[in-house]
Amino acid sequence: HESVIASSLTVGEFEPSCTSKDDFGWPRFNDASELAAEPSWSKYFSAVYGEMPPEAFPVCTYDMHVLNTTAYDAAGLTGTQPVVTNTSELEEGDLFYSVSPGFGIYHEAWTPLPNNTWTEVGHQVYPTELDGMWVWRQRGSGVWANVGRTIVFPTPSDPSQVHADAIAFLSDGCSKPPSKLWPQLESDIFGFCAREKGYDSVQFEPQELEVPTGTFGLPGLTELVLTNLQGDLDSGSANASETLLRSGWFATDTCAVENTPIDPLCGLMAFPPLPEVMVSPKLCEAQAEDPSVACEGTRCVATTCAV
């Protein structure tokens, strides 16, 4: 499987909207008056995106891959759609529980993003993402990033080969030899080496043979690395006011976000999958002090933009 440079794809600044003839039970709003006539959905979209500009319409809720559970509940929408709890039975358009911001709307098809496309993402702030920001593609999150010049790699079903093609390609000829230690190796390759090759982002396809469509057993989610951002910071930038992340319906505003301290127990996983001598940096601050301490992903915060 060869990597794909996404310049060969149809170029567009934003992902297309309302292309499906079937809304799968989700509301479609053709103009601002139709949205205003549905106060709950009007409140929801305002909470996630702020003011909806006239050019936003038509708005198809089915286009969203995620819904913010806090905003959904506050808008009075809880219970208006059935939630599928057995994700092995997901069908197109089903609502299900997912990672932050909470709900997913299932889409079987996946399409890589063309160069320079604005897309919505989800990110958990992990202390080990020292260079490059790993995110999920999450249309509907309200947090925007531009993929710039991008490249696409497969996600093999064999866990030991998940990022192998990308690592081999990006590290080849890199002027900074990647660390032999994990997870520093990934910061070196998906940050410095990817940038040196001229890539602003690295996309991964859904995991091969995974049904329903997704990655690592998480339906609807695929990985994306933003090489110019720093994943151990909420904003991705040392100065939060200079973040490259955006908010608003068409990424019209700079994301209002502050860099916050990371909980000492926050970590990607409880324990590393490799012997301790092969791991640097440690997965969480508490584990660096005491290797027997389990890190906790639930202690890590998600990047959000104040609206």
C-alpha atoms as a PDB file:
ATOM      1  CA  HIS A   1       0.000   0.000   0.000  1.00  0.00           C
ATOM      2  CA  GLU A   2       1.599   3.258  -1.102  1.00  0.00           C
ATOM      3  CA  SER A   3       1.181   6.542   0.696  1.00  0.00           C
ATOM      4  CA  VAL A   4      -1.111   9.049  -0.996  1.00  0.00           C
ATOM      5  CA  ILE A   5      -0.353  12.735  -1.313  1.00  0.00           C
ATOM      6  CA  ALA A   6      -3.777  14.330  -1.116  1.00  0.00           C
ATOM      7  CA  SER A   7      -3.089  16.953  -3.803  1.00  0.00           C
ATOM      8  CA  SER A   8      -4.424  14.371  -6.237  1.00  0.00           C
ATOM      9  CA  LEU A   9      -7.847  14.649  -4.608  1.00  0.00           C
ATOM     10  CA  THR A  10     -10.558  17.171  -5.343  1.00  0.00           C
ATOM     11  CA  VAL A  11      -9.430  20.424  -3.744  1.00  0.00           C
ATOM     12  CA  GLY A  12     -11.794  22.319  -1.491  1.00  0.00           C
ATOM     13  CA  GLU A  13     -11.364  24.536   1.551  1.00  0.00           C
ATOM     14  CA  PHE A  14     -14.098  22.729   3.492  1.00  0.00           C
ATOM     15  CA  GLU A  15     -15.631  19.287   3.385  1.00  0.00           C
ATOM     16  CA  PRO A  16     -18.781  19.235   1.213  1.00  0.00           C
ATOM     17  CA  SER A  17     -22.135  19.677   2.964  1.00  0.00           C
ATOM     18  CA  CYS A  18     -25.558  18.114   2.490  1.00  0.00           C
ATOM     19  CA  THR A  19     -24.414  15.711  -0.216  1.00  0.00           C
ATOM     20  CA  SER A  20     -26.568  12.828   1.047  1.00  0.00           C
ATOM     21  CA  LYS A  21     -30.144  12.573  -0.197  1.00  0.00           C
ATOM     22  CA  ASP A  22     -30.989  10.587   2.938  1.00  0.00           C
ATOM     23  CA  ASP A  23     -30.759  12.440   6.271  1.00  0.00           C
ATOM     24  CA  PHE A  24     -31.208   9.200   8.248  1.00  0.00           C
ATOM     25  CA  GLY A  25     -33.708  10.814  10.608  1.00  0.00           C
ATOM     26  CA  TRP A  26     -31.563  13.866  11.350  1.00  0.00           C
ATOM     27  CA  PRO A  27     -32.967  17.375  10.756  1.00  0.00           C
ATOM     28  CA  ARG A  28     -31.977  19.473   7.739  1.00  0.00           C
ATOM     29  CA  PHE A  29     -32.247  23.265   7.939  1.00  0.00           C
ATOM     30  CA  ASN A  30     -32.426  25.001   4.576  1.00  0.00           C
ATOM     31  CA  ASP A  31     -32.171  28.512   5.976  1.00  0.00           C
ATOM     32  CA  ALA A  32     -31.910  30.471   9.225  1.00  0.00           C
ATOM     33  CA  SER A  33     -35.687  30.665   9.621  1.00  0.00           C
ATOM     34  CA  GLU A  34     -36.014  26.882   9.595  1.00  0.00           C
ATOM     35  CA  LEU A  35     -33.323  26.585  12.276  1.00  0.00           C
ATOM     36  CA  ALA A  36     -34.974  29.329  14.358  1.00  0.00           C
ATOM     37  CA  ALA A  37     -38.226  27.348  14.176  1.00  0.00           C
ATOM     38  CA  GLU A  38     -36.466  24.516  16.046  1.00  0.00           C
ATOM     39  CA  PRO A  39     -35.344  26.229  19.301  1.00  0.00           C
ATOM     40  CA  SER A  40     -33.529  23.185  20.670  1.00  0.00           C
ATOM     41  CA  TRP A  41     -31.336  22.728  17.610  1.00  0.00           C
ATOM     42  CA  SER A  42     -30.858  26.483  17.310  1.00  0.00           C
ATOM     43  CA  LYS A  43     -29.581  26.514  20.894  1.00  0.00           C
ATOM     44  CA  TYR A  44     -27.334  23.527  20.185  1.00  0.00           C
ATOM     45  CA  PHE A  45     -25.635  25.001  17.127  1.00  0.00           C
ATOM     46  CA  SER A  46     -25.185  28.341  18.882  1.00  0.00           C
ATOM     47  CA  ALA A  47     -23.478  26.614  21.800  1.00  0.00           C
ATOM     48  CA  VAL A  48     -21.025  24.753  19.553  1.00  0.00           C
ATOM     49  CA  TYR A  49     -20.438  27.319  16.794  1.00  0.00           C
ATOM     50  CA  GLY A  50     -21.719  30.678  17.976  1.00  0.00           C
ATOM     51  CA  GLU A  51     -23.678  32.742  15.459  1.00  0.00           C
ATOM     52  CA  MET A  52     -24.624  30.849  12.300  1.00  0.00           C
ATOM     53  CA  PRO A  53     -23.909  33.002   9.222  1.00  0.00           C
ATOM     54  CA  PRO A  54     -26.402  33.027   6.303  1.00  0.00           C
ATOM     55  CA  GLU A  55     -23.893  31.250   4.080  1.00  0.00           C
ATOM     56  CA  ALA A  56     -23.868  28.301   6.512  1.00  0.00           C
ATOM     57  CA  PHE A  57     -27.141  27.017   5.096  1.00  0.00           C
ATOM     58  CA  PRO A  58     -28.314  24.481   4.255  1.00  0.00           C
ATOM     59  CA  VAL A  59     -27.201  22.743   7.466  1.00  0.00           C
ATOM     60  CA  CYS A  60     -27.533  18.966   7.588  1.00  0.00           C
ATOM     61  CA  THR A  61     -27.149  17.506  11.061  1.00  0.00           C
ATOM     62  CA  TYR A  62     -26.313  14.131   9.516  1.00  0.00           C
ATOM     63  CA  ASP A  63     -23.073  15.678   8.197  1.00  0.00           C
ATOM     64  CA  MET A  64     -21.811  15.757  11.768  1.00  0.00           C
ATOM     65  CA  HIS A  65     -19.724  12.820  12.927  1.00  0.00           C
ATOM     66  CA  VAL A  66     -19.869  13.906  16.562  1.00  0.00           C
ATOM     67  CA  LEU A  67     -22.267  15.789  18.818  1.00  0.00           C
ATOM     68  CA  ASN A  68     -21.348  17.538  22.048  1.00  0.00           C
ATOM     69  CA  THR A  69     -23.281  15.759  24.807  1.00  0.00           C
ATOM     70  CA  THR A  70     -23.146  18.743  27.159  1.00  0.00           C
ATOM     71  CA  ALA A  71     -24.611  21.106  24.554  1.00  0.00           C
ATOM     72  CA  TYR A  72     -27.053  18.409  23.397  1.00  0.00           C
ATOM     73  CA  ASP A  73     -28.416  17.951  26.910  1.00  0.00           C
ATOM     74  CA  ALA A  74     -28.499  21.702  27.637  1.00  0.00           C
ATOM     75  CA  ALA A  75     -30.487  22.247  24.436  1.00  0.00           C
ATOM     76  CA  GLY A  76     -33.118  19.747  25.564  1.00  0.00           C
ATOM     77  CA  LEU A  77     -32.298  17.229  22.828  1.00  0.00           C
ATOM     78  CA  THR A  78     -31.551  14.245  25.075  1.00  0.00           C
ATOM     79  CA  GLY A  79     -33.937  11.415  24.248  1.00  0.00           C
ATOM     80  CA  THR A  80     -35.014  12.804  20.876  1.00  0.00           C
ATOM     81  CA  GLN A  81     -32.910  10.201  19.035  1.00  0.00           C
ATOM     82  CA  PRO A  82     -32.366   6.567  20.053  1.00  0.00           C
ATOM     83  CA  VAL A  83     -28.821   5.714  21.141  1.00  0.00           C
ATOM     84  CA  VAL A  84     -27.338   2.446  19.875  1.00  0.00           C
ATOM     85  CA  THR A  85     -25.408   0.916  22.762  1.00  0.00           C
ATOM     86  CA  ASN A  86     -24.122  -2.179  20.942  1.00  0.00           C
ATOM     87  CA  THR A  87     -21.681  -0.603  18.510  1.00  0.00           C
ATOM     88  CA  SER A  88     -21.234  -3.878  16.601  1.00  0.00           C
ATOM     89  CA  GLU A  89     -24.781  -3.302  15.318  1.00  0.00           C
ATOM     90  CA  LEU A  90     -24.233   0.267  14.091  1.00  0.00           C
ATOM     91  CA  GLU A  91     -25.919   1.293  10.861  1.00  0.00           C
ATOM     92  CA  GLU A  92     -25.550   4.461   8.823  1.00  0.00           C
ATOM     93  CA  GLY A  93     -26.707   7.546  10.721  1.00  0.00           C
ATOM     94  CA  ASP A  94     -27.031   5.816  14.099  1.00  0.00           C
ATOM     95  CA  LEU A  95     -26.320   7.812  17.268  1.00  0.00           C
ATOM     96  CA  PHE A  96     -23.882   6.119  19.665  1.00  0.00           C
ATOM     97  CA  TYR A  97     -21.641   6.874  22.619  1.00  0.00           C
ATOM     98  CA  SER A  98     -18.131   7.860  21.559  1.00  0.00           C
ATOM     99  CA  VAL A  99     -15.086   9.658  22.949  1.00  0.00           C
ATOM    100  CA  SER A 100     -15.179  13.366  23.834  1.00  0.00           C
ATOM    101  CA  PRO A 101     -17.260  15.384  23.030  1.00  0.00           C
ATOM    102  CA  GLY A 102     -19.512  12.412  23.686  1.00  0.00           C
ATOM    103  CA  PHE A 103     -21.854  11.245  20.908  1.00  0.00           C
ATOM    104  CA  GLY A 104     -21.035   9.910  17.467  1.00  0.00           C
ATOM    105  CA  ILE A 105     -23.174   9.761  14.330  1.00  0.00           C
ATOM    106  CA  TYR A 106     -22.052   6.722  12.386  1.00  0.00           C
ATOM    107  CA  HIS A 107     -20.746   7.071   8.830  1.00  0.00           C
ATOM    108  CA  GLU A 108     -19.468   3.953   7.120  1.00  0.00           C
ATOM    109  CA  ALA A 109     -17.633   5.730   4.295  1.00  0.00           C
ATOM    110  CA  TRP A 110     -14.315   7.504   4.796  1.00  0.00           C
ATOM    111  CA  THR A 111     -12.684   9.962   2.432  1.00  0.00           C
ATOM    112  CA  PRO A 112      -9.186  11.456   2.799  1.00  0.00           C
ATOM    113  CA  LEU A 113      -8.974  15.216   3.085  1.00  0.00           C
ATOM    114  CA  PRO A 114      -7.476  17.159   0.173  1.00  0.00           C
ATOM    115  CA  ASN A 115      -4.587  19.551   0.715  1.00  0.00           C
ATOM    116  CA  ASN A 116      -5.467  22.804   2.511  1.00  0.00           C
ATOM    117  CA  THR A 117      -8.835  21.561   3.787  1.00  0.00           C
ATOM    118  CA  TRP A 118     -10.295  22.870   7.035  1.00  0.00           C
ATOM    119  CA  THR A 119     -11.582  19.992   9.134  1.00  0.00           C
ATOM    120  CA  GLU A 120     -12.930  19.600  12.667  1.00  0.00           C
ATOM    121  CA  VAL A 121     -10.889  17.590  15.125  1.00  0.00           C
ATOM    122  CA  GLY A 122     -10.856  16.184  18.639  1.00  0.00           C
ATOM    123  CA  HIS A 123      -7.745  16.181  20.809  1.00  0.00           C
ATOM    124  CA  GLN A 124      -6.850  14.946  24.272  1.00  0.00           C
ATOM    125  CA  VAL A 125      -3.845  16.697  25.813  1.00  0.00           C
ATOM    126  CA  TYR A 126      -1.195  14.071  26.595  1.00  0.00           C
ATOM    127  CA  PRO A 127       2.173  14.937  28.183  1.00  0.00           C
ATOM    128  CA  THR A 128       4.056  12.660  25.763  1.00  0.00           C
ATOM    129  CA  GLU A 129       3.056  14.538  22.582  1.00  0.00           C
ATOM    130  CA  LEU A 130       6.113  16.782  22.568  1.00  0.00           C
ATOM    131  CA  ASP A 131       6.144  17.505  18.826  1.00  0.00           C
ATOM    132  CA  GLY A 132       3.087  17.072  16.630  1.00  0.00           C
ATOM    133  CA  MET A 133      -0.533  16.884  17.755  1.00  0.00           C
ATOM    134  CA  TRP A 134      -2.463  13.636  17.348  1.00  0.00           C
ATOM    135  CA  VAL A 135      -6.165  14.200  16.815  1.00  0.00           C
ATOM    136  CA  TRP A 136      -9.261  12.338  15.745  1.00  0.00           C
ATOM    137  CA  ARG A 137     -11.138  13.574  12.700  1.00  0.00           C
ATOM    138  CA  GLN A 138     -14.397  14.682  14.328  1.00  0.00           C
ATOM    139  CA  ARG A 139     -16.671  16.740  12.118  1.00  0.00           C
ATOM    140  CA  GLY A 140     -19.019  18.563  14.470  1.00  0.00           C
ATOM    141  CA  SER A 141     -16.522  19.173  17.295  1.00  0.00           C
ATOM    142  CA  GLY A 142     -16.329  22.939  16.709  1.00  0.00           C
ATOM    143  CA  VAL A 143     -12.509  22.829  16.812  1.00  0.00           C
ATOM    144  CA  TRP A 144     -10.989  23.436  13.377  1.00  0.00           C
ATOM    145  CA  ALA A 145      -7.560  22.731  11.917  1.00  0.00           C
ATOM    146  CA  ASN A 146      -6.214  23.094   8.388  1.00  0.00           C
ATOM    147  CA  VAL A 147      -4.424  20.021   7.021  1.00  0.00           C
ATOM    148  CA  GLY A 148      -2.150  22.084   4.729  1.00  0.00           C
ATOM    149  CA  ARG A 149       0.039  19.810   2.615  1.00  0.00           C
ATOM    150  CA  THR A 150      -1.003  16.356   3.672  1.00  0.00           C
ATOM    151  CA  ILE A 151      -0.232  12.694   3.089  1.00  0.00           C
ATOM    152  CA  VAL A 152      -2.281   9.543   3.718  1.00  0.00           C
ATOM    153  CA  PHE A 153      -1.192   6.160   5.085  1.00  0.00           C
ATOM    154  CA  PRO A 154      -2.997   2.878   5.817  1.00  0.00           C
ATOM    155  CA  THR A 155      -3.816   1.565   9.279  1.00  0.00           C
ATOM    156  CA  PRO A 156      -3.096  -2.187   9.101  1.00  0.00           C
ATOM    157  CA  SER A 157      -5.155  -4.605  11.157  1.00  0.00           C
ATOM    158  CA  ASP A 158      -1.964  -5.947  12.778  1.00  0.00           C
ATOM    159  CA  PRO A 159      -1.407  -3.673  15.837  1.00  0.00           C
ATOM    160  CA  SER A 160       2.366  -4.037  15.550  1.00  0.00           C
ATOM    161  CA  GLN A 161       2.254  -2.540  12.036  1.00  0.00           C
ATOM    162  CA  VAL A 162      -0.239   0.286  12.658  1.00  0.00           C
ATOM    163  CA  HIS A 163       2.063   3.209  11.798  1.00  0.00           C
ATOM    164  CA  ALA A 164       4.868   1.228  10.160  1.00  0.00           C
ATOM    165  CA  ASP A 165       4.481   2.590   6.607  1.00  0.00           C
ATOM    166  CA  ALA A 166       4.345   6.183   7.828  1.00  0.00           C
ATOM    167  CA  ILE A 167       7.335   5.736  10.133  1.00  0.00           C
ATOM    168  CA  ALA A 168       9.437   4.195   7.361  1.00  0.00           C
ATOM    169  CA  PHE A 169       8.573   6.887   4.826  1.00  0.00           C
ATOM    170  CA  LEU A 170       8.864   9.926   7.094  1.00  0.00           C
ATOM    171  CA  SER A 171      12.056   8.836   8.848  1.00  0.00           C
ATOM    172  CA  ASP A 172      13.855   7.997   5.596  1.00  0.00           C
ATOM    173  CA  GLY A 173      16.508  10.661   5.051  1.00  0.00           C
ATOM    174  CA  CYS A 174      15.448  12.712   8.088  1.00  0.00           C
ATOM    175  CA  SER A 175      18.309  14.962   9.216  1.00  0.00           C
ATOM    176  CA  LYS A 176      17.452  14.284  12.854  1.00  0.00           C
ATOM    177  CA  PRO A 177      17.766  10.551  13.592  1.00  0.00           C
ATOM    178  CA  PRO A 178      14.559   9.545  15.409  1.00  0.00           C
ATOM    179  CA  SER A 179      14.899   8.362  18.979  1.00  0.00           C
ATOM    180  CA  LYS A 180      15.027   4.606  19.570  1.00  0.00           C
ATOM    181  CA  LEU A 181      12.780   5.134  22.572  1.00  0.00           C
ATOM    182  CA  TRP A 182       8.985   5.219  22.450  1.00  0.00           C
ATOM    183  CA  PRO A 183       6.984   7.506  22.499  1.00  0.00           C
ATOM    184  CA  GLN A 184       9.751  10.059  21.768  1.00  0.00           C
ATOM    185  CA  LEU A 185      10.212   8.265  18.436  1.00  0.00           C
ATOM    186  CA  GLU A 186       6.712   9.295  17.342  1.00  0.00           C
ATOM    187  CA  SER A 187       7.283  12.931  18.295  1.00  0.00           C
ATOM    188  CA  ASP A 188      10.494  12.978  16.270  1.00  0.00           C
ATOM    189  CA  ILE A 189       8.985  11.333  13.202  1.00  0.00           C
ATOM    190  CA  PHE A 190       5.496  12.849  13.119  1.00  0.00           C
ATOM    191  CA  GLY A 191       6.742  16.258  14.174  1.00  0.00           C
ATOM    192  CA  PHE A 192      10.243  17.163  12.991  1.00  0.00           C
ATOM    193  CA  CYS A 193      10.717  14.597  10.192  1.00  0.00           C
ATOM    194  CA  ALA A 194       7.252  15.133   8.728  1.00  0.00           C
ATOM    195  CA  ARG A 195       7.771  18.903   8.673  1.00  0.00           C
ATOM    196  CA  GLU A 196      11.195  18.487   7.107  1.00  0.00           C
ATOM    197  CA  LYS A 197       9.568  16.539   4.266  1.00  0.00           C
ATOM    198  CA  GLY A 198       7.119  19.410   3.832  1.00  0.00           C
ATOM    199  CA  TYR A 199       3.998  17.909   5.386  1.00  0.00           C
ATOM    200  CA  ASP A 200       1.647  19.885   7.614  1.00  0.00           C
ATOM    201  CA  SER A 201      -0.408  16.824   8.457  1.00  0.00           C
ATOM    202  CA  VAL A 202      -0.448  13.045   8.250  1.00  0.00           C
ATOM    203  CA  GLN A 203      -3.720  11.183   7.745  1.00  0.00           C
ATOM    204  CA  PHE A 204      -4.448   7.560   8.555  1.00  0.00           C
ATOM    205  CA  GLU A 205      -7.156   5.516   6.889  1.00  0.00           C
ATOM    206  CA  PRO A 206      -9.636   3.529   8.992  1.00  0.00           C
ATOM    207  CA  GLN A 207      -8.120   0.327  10.321  1.00  0.00           C
ATOM    208  CA  GLU A 208      -8.190  -2.462   7.776  1.00  0.00           C
ATOM    209  CA  LEU A 209     -10.857  -5.149   8.268  1.00  0.00           C
ATOM    210  CA  GLU A 210     -12.505  -3.163  11.066  1.00  0.00           C
ATOM    211  CA  VAL A 211     -16.305  -3.302  11.146  1.00  0.00           C
ATOM    212  CA  PRO A 212     -17.912  -0.908  11.884  1.00  0.00           C
ATOM    213  CA  THR A 213     -15.554   1.583  10.228  1.00  0.00           C
ATOM    214  CA  GLY A 214     -13.108   3.000  12.769  1.00  0.00           C
ATOM    215  CA  THR A 215      -9.731   2.582  14.423  1.00  0.00           C
ATOM    216  CA  PHE A 216      -8.593   0.534  17.454  1.00  0.00           C
ATOM    217  CA  GLY A 217     -12.154  -0.679  18.009  1.00  0.00           C
ATOM    218  CA  LEU A 218     -13.490   2.888  18.213  1.00  0.00           C
ATOM    219  CA  PRO A 219     -16.245   3.322  15.592  1.00  0.00           C
ATOM    220  CA  GLY A 220     -16.164   6.383  13.369  1.00  0.00           C
ATOM    221  CA  LEU A 221     -12.695   7.534  14.445  1.00  0.00           C
ATOM    222  CA  THR A 222      -9.561   7.910  12.330  1.00  0.00           C
ATOM    223  CA  GLU A 223      -6.200   9.419  13.237  1.00  0.00           C
ATOM    224  CA  LEU A 224      -4.706  12.643  11.957  1.00  0.00           C
ATOM    225  CA  VAL A 225      -1.416  14.251  13.018  1.00  0.00           C
ATOM    226  CA  LEU A 226      -1.020  18.028  12.842  1.00  0.00           C
ATOM    227  CA  THR A 227       2.735  18.344  12.503  1.00  0.00           C
ATOM    228  CA  ASN A 228       3.005  22.060  13.311  1.00  0.00           C
ATOM    229  CA  LEU A 229       1.221  21.835  16.660  1.00  0.00           C
ATOM    230  CA  GLN A 230       2.332  20.519  20.035  1.00  0.00           C
ATOM    231  CA  GLY A 231      -0.019  17.932  21.511  1.00  0.00           C
ATOM    232  CA  ASP A 232       0.969  18.456  25.148  1.00  0.00           C
ATOM    233  CA  LEU A 233      -0.589  21.937  25.025  1.00  0.00           C
ATOM    234  CA  ASP A 234      -4.334  22.630  24.860  1.00  0.00           C
ATOM    235  CA  SER A 235      -3.826  25.171  22.082  1.00  0.00           C
ATOM    236  CA  GLY A 236      -1.015  23.324  20.347  1.00  0.00           C
ATOM    237  CA  SER A 237       1.136  26.458  20.664  1.00  0.00           C
ATOM    238  CA  ALA A 238       3.399  27.747  23.443  1.00  0.00           C
ATOM    239  CA  ASN A 239       1.511  31.047  23.230  1.00  0.00           C
ATOM    240  CA  ALA A 240      -2.178  30.124  23.214  1.00  0.00           C
ATOM    241  CA  SER A 241      -3.110  33.410  21.547  1.00  0.00           C
ATOM    242  CA  GLU A 242      -1.088  32.269  18.513  1.00  0.00           C
ATOM    243  CA  THR A 243      -2.862  28.922  18.144  1.00  0.00           C
ATOM    244  CA  LEU A 244      -3.470  27.593  14.645  1.00  0.00           C
ATOM    245  CA  LEU A 245      -6.805  26.118  15.773  1.00  0.00           C
ATOM    246  CA  ARG A 246     -10.019  27.893  14.839  1.00  0.00           C
ATOM    247  CA  SER A 247     -13.685  27.983  15.870  1.00  0.00           C
ATOM    248  CA  GLY A 248     -17.006  29.181  14.417  1.00  0.00           C
ATOM    249  CA  TRP A 249     -19.048  27.611  11.631  1.00  0.00           C
ATOM    250  CA  PHE A 250     -16.494  28.245   8.877  1.00  0.00           C
ATOM    251  CA  ALA A 251     -13.395  28.399  11.097  1.00  0.00           C
ATOM    252  CA  THR A 252     -13.960  32.149  11.183  1.00  0.00           C
ATOM    253  CA  ASP A 253     -12.472  32.794  14.628  1.00  0.00           C
ATOM    254  CA  THR A 254      -9.265  32.022  16.447  1.00  0.00           C
ATOM    255  CA  CYS A 255      -9.931  29.252  18.963  1.00  0.00           C
ATOM    256  CA  ALA A 256     -10.298  30.827  22.410  1.00  0.00           C
ATOM    257  CA  VAL A 257      -8.304  28.351  24.462  1.00  0.00           C
ATOM    258  CA  GLU A 258      -5.819  28.484  27.316  1.00  0.00           C
ATOM    259  CA  ASN A 259      -2.946  26.113  28.012  1.00  0.00           C
ATOM    260  CA  THR A 260      -3.647  24.437  31.350  1.00  0.00           C
ATOM    261  CA  PRO A 261      -1.432  22.309  33.635  1.00  0.00           C
ATOM    262  CA  ILE A 262      -1.530  18.572  32.937  1.00  0.00           C
ATOM    263  CA  ASP A 263      -2.723  16.326  35.752  1.00  0.00           C
ATOM    264  CA  PRO A 264       0.216  14.215  37.058  1.00  0.00           C
ATOM    265  CA  LEU A 265      -1.816  11.044  36.389  1.00  0.00           C
ATOM    266  CA  CYS A 266      -2.808  12.002  32.841  1.00  0.00           C
ATOM    267  CA  GLY A 267      -1.398   9.539  30.313  1.00  0.00           C
ATOM    268  CA  LEU A 268      -2.168   7.869  26.989  1.00  0.00           C
ATOM    269  CA  MET A 269      -2.548   4.455  28.617  1.00  0.00           C
ATOM    270  CA  ALA A 270      -2.073   2.832  32.023  1.00  0.00           C
ATOM    271  CA  PHE A 271       1.337   1.319  31.297  1.00  0.00           C
ATOM    272  CA  PRO A 272       3.601   1.314  28.241  1.00  0.00           C
ATOM    273  CA  PRO A 273       3.492  -1.701  25.888  1.00  0.00           C
ATOM    274  CA  LEU A 274       7.316  -1.928  25.985  1.00  0.00           C
ATOM    275  CA  PRO A 275       9.921  -2.640  28.698  1.00  0.00           C
ATOM    276  CA  GLU A 276      10.665   0.393  30.864  1.00  0.00           C
ATOM    277  CA  VAL A 277      14.186   0.799  29.440  1.00  0.00           C
ATOM    278  CA  MET A 278      12.658   1.374  25.990  1.00  0.00           C
ATOM    279  CA  VAL A 279      10.248   4.084  27.126  1.00  0.00           C
ATOM    280  CA  SER A 280      10.917   7.820  27.210  1.00  0.00           C
ATOM    281  CA  PRO A 281       9.352  10.094  28.199  1.00  0.00           C
ATOM    282  CA  LYS A 282       7.246   8.296  30.796  1.00  0.00           C
ATOM    283  CA  LEU A 283       3.535   8.190  30.041  1.00  0.00           C
ATOM    284  CA  CYS A 284       2.621  10.448  32.948  1.00  0.00           C
ATOM    285  CA  GLU A 285       4.410  12.499  35.586  1.00  0.00           C
ATOM    286  CA  ALA A 286       3.266  10.234  38.421  1.00  0.00           C
ATOM    287  CA  GLN A 287       4.647   7.157  36.647  1.00  0.00           C
ATOM    288  CA  ALA A 288       7.999   8.897  36.122  1.00  0.00           C
ATOM    289  CA  GLU A 289       8.245   9.196  39.905  1.00  0.00           C
ATOM    290  CA  ASP A 290       6.891   5.709  40.632  1.00  0.00           C
ATOM    291  CA  PRO A 291       6.818   3.138  37.765  1.00  0.00           C
ATOM    292  CA  SER A 292       4.126   1.101  39.542  1.00  0.00           C
ATOM    293  CA  VAL A 293       1.570   3.929  39.247  1.00  0.00           C
ATOM    294  CA  ALA A 294      -0.992   3.496  36.485  1.00  0.00           C
ATOM    295  CA  CYS A 295      -1.589   6.528  34.287  1.00  0.00           C
ATOM    296  CA  GLU A 296      -5.217   7.455  33.592  1.00  0.00           C
ATOM    297  CA  GLY A 297      -6.554   8.713  30.279  1.00  0.00           C
ATOM    298  CA  THR A 298      -9.626  10.058  32.055  1.00  0.00           C
ATOM    299  CA  ARG A 299      -7.394  12.599  33.818  1.00  0.00           C
ATOM    300  CA  CYS A 300      -6.486  14.179  30.474  1.00  0.00           C
ATOM    301  CA  VAL A 301      -8.491  17.151  29.200  1.00  0.00           C
ATOM    302  CA  ALA A 302      -9.858  17.724  25.716  1.00  0.00           C
ATOM    303  CA  THR A 303      -9.022  20.814  23.690  1.00  0.00           C
ATOM    304  CA  THR A 304     -12.110  23.030  23.424  1.00  0.00           C
ATOM    305  CA  CYS A 305     -12.745  26.487  22.029  1.00  0.00           C
ATOM    306  CA  ALA A 306     -14.820  28.905  24.097  1.00  0.00           C
ATOM    307  CA  VAL A 307     -17.698  30.275  22.000  1.00  0.00           C
END
